[in-house]
Amino acid sequence: MWDYTEKVKDHFLNPRNAGKIDDADGIGEVGSLACGDALKLFFKLDDEGRIVQATFQTFGCGSAIASSSALTEMIKGKTLDEALEITNKDIADYLGGLPKAKMHCSVMGREALEAAIQNYRGEPVTAHELDGEVVCECFGVTDTQIRRAIEENDLKTVEDVTHYTKAGGGCEKCLPSIEELLEEALGAKKKAQEPQPPKKLTNIQKITLIQKVIDEELRPTLQADGGDLDLIDVDGNLVTVSLRGACTNCPSSQITLKQGVEARLKEMVDPGIEVVEEA
């Protein structure tokens, strides 16, 4: 038995805005009866371009009905651009959450809304079942749909993908392909998060950046303790500086030079930098 929230139960047993709009401005239809889920969304705009009426017709489970009902309530009073900002996670959150295995119902709602707005604007309606290469033949789910679900919902496992797209929920022959798409997406995300090697700087760029780090980060810290620092010369990665004020006779001056100044310039400018004090 699914663990439904009270709000899901309410929207399932008492769906809002069920039916059709005969003179609708936008109509979006997604899913298919063969796959067990289908949704048709209608909306009507007022003179200011805001959604004044929204209705739906759906074939599916209680979560599909509740998600569709919630979506029609959520988009009322919004402009089309504002409505497009609604994500499938927003729909689930509005309902107080959905069982993981039913998250695909909220995805279907978001896709129906996109299709209805494309229909109104005279744009080619994205046929998600034809968008990309079919991975799951049982439910007609493509690689494009799977990649989008992974990216937008931060999915981590094949089971997550099945919950959000239904892919892999039938004969399971596509599970290896889903695993490959997951590894590809997670690998790309990890690579994007890794620190990128610094770009090679020209001598002028390097000197400018060194001076900026000294002026904006290092000098204020030293000045707070009565010391100071001047940049004297830059020869390749050899940076010559002069310690001033209280730093001149400080017994910890070499620690400041190496663990403070040099370490920060290595981090911010070039890991090969060596800092020496003016003779």
Protein backbone atom coordinates (compact mmCIF):
# COMPACT_ATOMS: atom_id res chain seq x y z
CA MET A 1 0.00 0.00 0.00
CA TRP A 2 1.42 3.39 -0.99
CA ASP A 3 2.01 5.87 1.82
CA TYR A 4 0.07 8.86 0.48
CA THR A 5 -0.12 12.22 2.25
CA GLU A 6 -3.51 13.58 3.25
CA LYS A 7 -3.20 16.23 0.53
CA VAL A 8 -2.60 13.59 -2.13
CA LYS A 9 -5.63 11.67 -0.91
CA ASP A 10 -7.73 14.86 -0.97
CA HIS A 11 -6.76 15.77 -4.54
CA PHE A 12 -7.37 12.16 -5.64
CA LEU A 13 -10.78 11.81 -3.99
CA ASN A 14 -11.81 15.42 -4.69
CA PRO A 15 -9.94 16.42 -7.85
CA ARG A 16 -10.02 20.10 -8.71
CA ASN A 17 -10.65 21.31 -12.25
CA ALA A 18 -11.31 17.92 -13.87
CA GLY A 19 -12.75 18.14 -17.39
CA LYS A 20 -12.03 20.04 -20.58
CA ILE A 21 -12.21 23.63 -21.84
CA ASP A 22 -13.93 23.76 -25.22
CA ASP A 23 -12.37 27.09 -26.23
CA ALA A 24 -9.01 26.54 -24.54
CA ASP A 25 -6.09 28.77 -25.51
CA GLY A 26 -3.59 25.99 -24.95
CA ILE A 27 -3.88 22.20 -24.92
CA GLY A 28 -1.10 19.79 -24.01
CA GLU A 29 -1.26 16.02 -24.20
CA VAL A 30 1.41 13.59 -22.97
CA GLY A 31 1.72 9.89 -22.19
CA SER A 32 -0.28 7.10 -23.72
CA LEU A 33 -2.96 4.66 -22.68
CA ALA A 34 -0.69 1.79 -23.75
CA CYS A 35 1.89 2.84 -21.15
CA GLY A 36 -0.73 3.19 -18.42
CA ASP A 37 -0.55 6.98 -17.98
CA ALA A 38 -1.98 9.78 -20.12
CA LEU A 39 -2.72 13.41 -19.36
CA LYS A 40 -4.40 16.20 -21.29
CA LEU A 41 -4.09 19.72 -19.89
CA PHE A 42 -6.18 22.76 -20.92
CA PHE A 43 -5.77 26.41 -20.00
CA LYS A 44 -7.50 29.72 -20.72
CA LEU A 45 -5.84 33.15 -20.49
CA ASP A 46 -7.35 36.46 -19.41
CA ASP A 47 -6.75 39.81 -21.14
CA GLU A 48 -3.53 40.31 -19.18
CA GLY A 49 -2.03 37.01 -20.31
CA ARG A 50 -2.53 35.21 -17.01
CA ILE A 51 -3.98 31.73 -16.67
CA VAL A 52 -7.53 32.27 -15.51
CA GLN A 53 -8.76 28.69 -15.93
CA ALA A 54 -6.98 25.33 -16.08
CA THR A 55 -8.47 21.85 -16.32
CA PHE A 56 -7.29 18.31 -17.00
CA GLN A 57 -8.32 14.88 -18.20
CA THR A 58 -6.16 11.96 -17.12
CA PHE A 59 -5.92 8.22 -17.28
CA GLY A 60 -3.79 6.84 -14.52
CA CYS A 61 -3.38 6.09 -10.85
CA GLY A 62 -4.31 8.17 -7.82
CA SER A 63 -0.96 9.97 -7.94
CA ALA A 64 -1.55 10.95 -11.57
CA ILE A 65 -4.96 12.39 -10.72
CA ALA A 66 -3.66 14.19 -7.63
CA SER A 67 -0.63 15.61 -9.50
CA SER A 68 -2.81 16.86 -12.34
CA SER A 69 -5.32 18.40 -9.93
CA ALA A 70 -2.52 20.11 -7.97
CA LEU A 71 -0.89 21.46 -11.12
CA THR A 72 -4.08 23.13 -12.34
CA GLU A 73 -4.40 24.87 -8.99
CA MET A 74 -0.74 25.92 -8.98
CA ILE A 75 -0.78 27.61 -12.39
CA LYS A 76 -3.91 29.69 -11.94
CA GLY A 77 -3.13 33.41 -11.88
CA LYS A 78 0.34 32.94 -13.34
CA THR A 79 1.74 34.15 -16.64
CA LEU A 80 2.97 31.46 -19.00
CA ASP A 81 6.60 32.22 -18.17
CA GLU A 82 5.84 31.99 -14.47
CA ALA A 83 4.03 28.70 -15.00
CA LEU A 84 7.02 27.30 -16.89
CA GLU A 85 9.15 27.79 -13.77
CA ILE A 86 7.14 25.09 -11.97
CA THR A 87 9.10 21.84 -11.74
CA ASN A 88 7.92 18.32 -11.08
CA LYS A 89 9.48 18.66 -7.61
CA ASP A 90 7.29 21.72 -6.98
CA ILE A 91 4.21 19.65 -7.81
CA ALA A 92 5.28 16.87 -5.43
CA ASP A 93 6.10 19.40 -2.69
CA TYR A 94 2.69 21.07 -3.14
CA LEU A 95 1.13 17.69 -2.37
CA GLY A 96 3.31 17.16 0.68
CA GLY A 97 5.39 14.60 -1.18
CA LEU A 98 4.74 11.60 -3.41
CA PRO A 99 5.92 8.00 -3.00
CA LYS A 100 9.20 7.59 -4.88
CA ALA A 101 7.66 5.07 -7.23
CA LYS A 102 5.04 7.65 -8.22
CA MET A 103 7.29 10.63 -8.98
CA HIS A 104 6.82 10.02 -12.71
CA CYS A 105 3.28 11.36 -12.29
CA SER A 106 4.61 14.79 -11.36
CA VAL A 107 7.01 14.65 -14.33
CA MET A 108 4.08 13.92 -16.64
CA GLY A 109 2.26 16.99 -15.30
CA ARG A 110 5.22 19.26 -15.97
CA GLU A 111 5.56 17.88 -19.52
CA ALA A 112 1.85 18.41 -20.21
CA LEU A 113 2.14 22.03 -19.10
CA GLU A 114 5.12 22.59 -21.41
CA ALA A 115 3.22 21.02 -24.31
CA ALA A 116 0.14 23.20 -23.68
CA ILE A 117 2.22 26.39 -23.64
CA GLN A 118 4.05 25.35 -26.82
CA ASN A 119 0.66 24.69 -28.40
CA TYR A 120 -0.56 28.20 -27.49
CA ARG A 121 2.60 29.85 -28.76
CA GLY A 122 2.49 28.00 -32.06
CA GLU A 123 5.79 26.26 -31.34
CA PRO A 124 6.51 22.65 -32.29
CA VAL A 125 5.24 20.56 -29.42
CA THR A 126 7.99 18.42 -27.94
CA ALA A 127 7.01 14.78 -28.38
CA HIS A 128 8.98 13.40 -25.45
CA GLU A 129 8.47 9.84 -26.58
CA LEU A 130 10.17 10.76 -29.87
CA ASP A 131 12.79 13.04 -28.36
CA GLY A 132 15.98 10.98 -28.52
CA GLU A 133 16.66 7.27 -28.77
CA VAL A 134 14.22 4.88 -27.09
CA VAL A 135 15.89 3.14 -24.16
CA CYS A 136 12.89 1.54 -22.46
CA GLU A 137 10.66 -0.10 -25.08
CA CYS A 138 8.06 -1.14 -22.51
CA PHE A 139 7.19 2.47 -21.65
CA GLY A 140 8.67 4.32 -24.63
CA VAL A 141 11.18 6.31 -22.55
CA THR A 142 14.09 7.90 -24.41
CA ASP A 143 17.66 8.66 -23.40
CA THR A 144 16.85 12.38 -23.54
CA GLN A 145 14.04 11.98 -21.01
CA ILE A 146 16.27 9.92 -18.72
CA ARG A 147 19.14 12.43 -18.87
CA ARG A 148 16.76 15.28 -18.11
CA ALA A 149 15.27 13.46 -15.12
CA ILE A 150 18.73 12.66 -13.76
CA GLU A 151 19.90 16.25 -14.09
CA GLU A 152 16.79 18.01 -12.79
CA ASN A 153 16.16 15.68 -9.84
CA ASP A 154 19.74 14.73 -8.93
CA LEU A 155 19.02 11.02 -9.41
CA LYS A 156 21.69 8.60 -8.22
CA THR A 157 20.44 5.05 -8.88
CA VAL A 158 18.67 3.02 -11.55
CA GLU A 159 15.78 2.64 -9.12
CA ASP A 160 15.52 6.44 -8.91
CA VAL A 161 15.33 6.64 -12.71
CA THR A 162 12.53 4.06 -12.75
CA HIS A 163 10.58 6.01 -10.14
CA TYR A 164 10.80 9.25 -12.11
CA THR A 165 10.44 7.95 -15.67
CA LYS A 166 9.09 4.35 -15.41
CA ALA A 167 12.08 3.25 -17.54
CA GLY A 168 13.18 -0.19 -16.40
CA GLY A 169 9.87 -0.95 -14.73
CA GLY A 170 8.81 -3.58 -17.27
CA CYS A 171 10.94 -6.36 -18.72
CA GLU A 172 14.11 -4.78 -17.26
CA LYS A 173 16.18 -5.38 -20.43
CA CYS A 174 17.04 -1.68 -20.48
CA LEU A 175 18.59 -1.60 -16.99
CA PRO A 176 22.20 -1.81 -18.30
CA SER A 177 21.52 1.12 -20.64
CA ILE A 178 20.04 3.15 -17.79
CA GLU A 179 23.12 2.36 -15.70
CA GLU A 180 25.35 3.65 -18.51
CA LEU A 181 23.36 6.90 -18.76
CA LEU A 182 23.63 7.35 -14.99
CA GLU A 183 27.38 6.78 -15.00
CA GLU A 184 27.74 9.22 -17.89
CA ALA A 185 25.67 11.92 -16.18
CA LEU A 186 27.26 11.49 -12.75
CA GLY A 187 30.73 11.42 -14.28
CA ALA A 188 30.07 14.66 -16.15
CA LYS A 189 28.72 16.27 -12.98
CA LYS A 190 31.75 15.18 -10.96
CA LYS A 191 34.11 16.51 -13.62
CA ALA A 192 32.28 19.85 -13.66
CA GLN A 193 32.68 20.12 -9.88
CA GLU A 194 36.39 19.36 -9.91
CA PRO A 195 38.74 22.34 -9.73
CA GLN A 196 39.86 23.22 -13.21
CA PRO A 197 43.56 23.80 -13.84
CA PRO A 198 44.34 27.51 -13.98
CA LYS A 199 44.64 29.04 -17.41
CA LYS A 200 48.15 30.05 -18.47
CA LEU A 201 48.62 33.71 -17.66
CA THR A 202 50.69 36.22 -19.57
CA ASN A 203 53.40 37.99 -17.55
CA ILE A 204 51.28 41.13 -17.32
CA GLN A 205 48.23 39.15 -16.20
CA LYS A 206 50.32 37.31 -13.59
CA ILE A 207 51.83 40.49 -12.16
CA THR A 208 48.42 42.16 -12.08
CA LEU A 209 46.85 39.21 -10.27
CA ILE A 210 49.71 38.97 -7.77
CA GLN A 211 49.39 42.68 -6.99
CA LYS A 212 45.61 42.29 -6.60
CA VAL A 213 45.97 39.42 -4.12
CA ILE A 214 48.57 41.38 -2.15
CA ASP A 215 46.53 44.59 -2.07
CA GLU A 216 43.11 43.08 -1.40
CA GLU A 217 43.91 40.08 0.82
CA LEU A 218 47.42 40.03 2.25
CA ARG A 219 48.23 43.67 3.06
CA PRO A 220 45.00 44.37 5.01
CA THR A 221 45.70 41.35 7.24
CA LEU A 222 49.30 42.40 7.88
CA GLN A 223 48.35 46.04 8.42
CA ALA A 224 45.86 45.01 11.08
CA ASP A 225 48.86 43.79 13.13
CA GLY A 226 51.06 46.78 12.35
CA GLY A 227 52.90 45.21 9.44
CA ASP A 228 52.88 45.68 5.69
CA LEU A 229 54.04 44.16 2.41
CA ASP A 230 55.26 45.57 -0.90
CA LEU A 231 55.68 43.79 -4.21
CA ILE A 232 59.22 44.42 -5.51
CA ASP A 233 59.66 42.18 -8.56
CA VAL A 234 58.20 39.26 -10.48
CA ASP A 235 60.59 37.11 -12.54
CA GLY A 236 58.68 34.13 -13.93
CA ASN A 237 57.43 32.34 -10.81
CA LEU A 238 59.94 34.02 -8.50
CA VAL A 239 58.16 36.76 -6.56
CA THR A 240 60.26 39.20 -4.55
CA VAL A 241 58.55 41.15 -1.77
CA SER A 242 59.58 43.45 1.04
CA LEU A 243 58.14 43.13 4.53
CA ARG A 244 57.45 46.48 6.22
CA GLY A 245 56.49 47.82 9.62
CA ALA A 246 56.15 45.34 12.46
CA CYS A 247 56.85 42.44 10.07
CA THR A 248 60.46 43.63 9.62
CA ASN A 249 61.76 42.44 12.97
CA CYS A 250 59.10 39.82 13.68
CA PRO A 251 60.59 36.39 14.57
CA SER A 252 57.73 34.79 12.63
CA SER A 253 58.40 36.77 9.45
CA GLN A 254 59.57 33.73 7.47
CA ILE A 255 56.48 31.79 8.51
CA THR A 256 54.36 34.74 7.33
CA LEU A 257 56.32 34.82 4.08
CA LYS A 258 56.01 31.12 3.27
CA GLN A 259 52.83 29.89 4.95
CA GLY A 260 50.93 33.12 4.44
CA VAL A 261 52.06 35.08 1.39
CA GLU A 262 53.53 32.26 -0.71
CA ALA A 263 50.76 29.78 0.09
CA ARG A 264 48.05 32.26 -0.89
CA LEU A 265 49.76 33.22 -4.16
CA LYS A 266 50.22 29.53 -5.03
CA GLU A 267 46.49 29.01 -4.51
CA MET A 268 45.25 32.10 -6.31
CA VAL A 269 47.84 32.63 -9.07
CA ASP A 270 50.17 29.71 -9.82
CA PRO A 271 51.13 26.60 -7.80
CA GLY A 272 54.73 27.04 -8.97
CA ILE A 273 55.24 30.45 -7.32
CA GLU A 274 58.13 30.94 -4.87
CA VAL A 275 58.20 34.04 -2.68
CA VAL A 276 61.48 35.49 -1.41
CA GLU A 277 62.25 38.57 0.64
CA GLU A 278 64.20 41.44 -0.85
CA ALA A 279 67.86 41.20 0.07
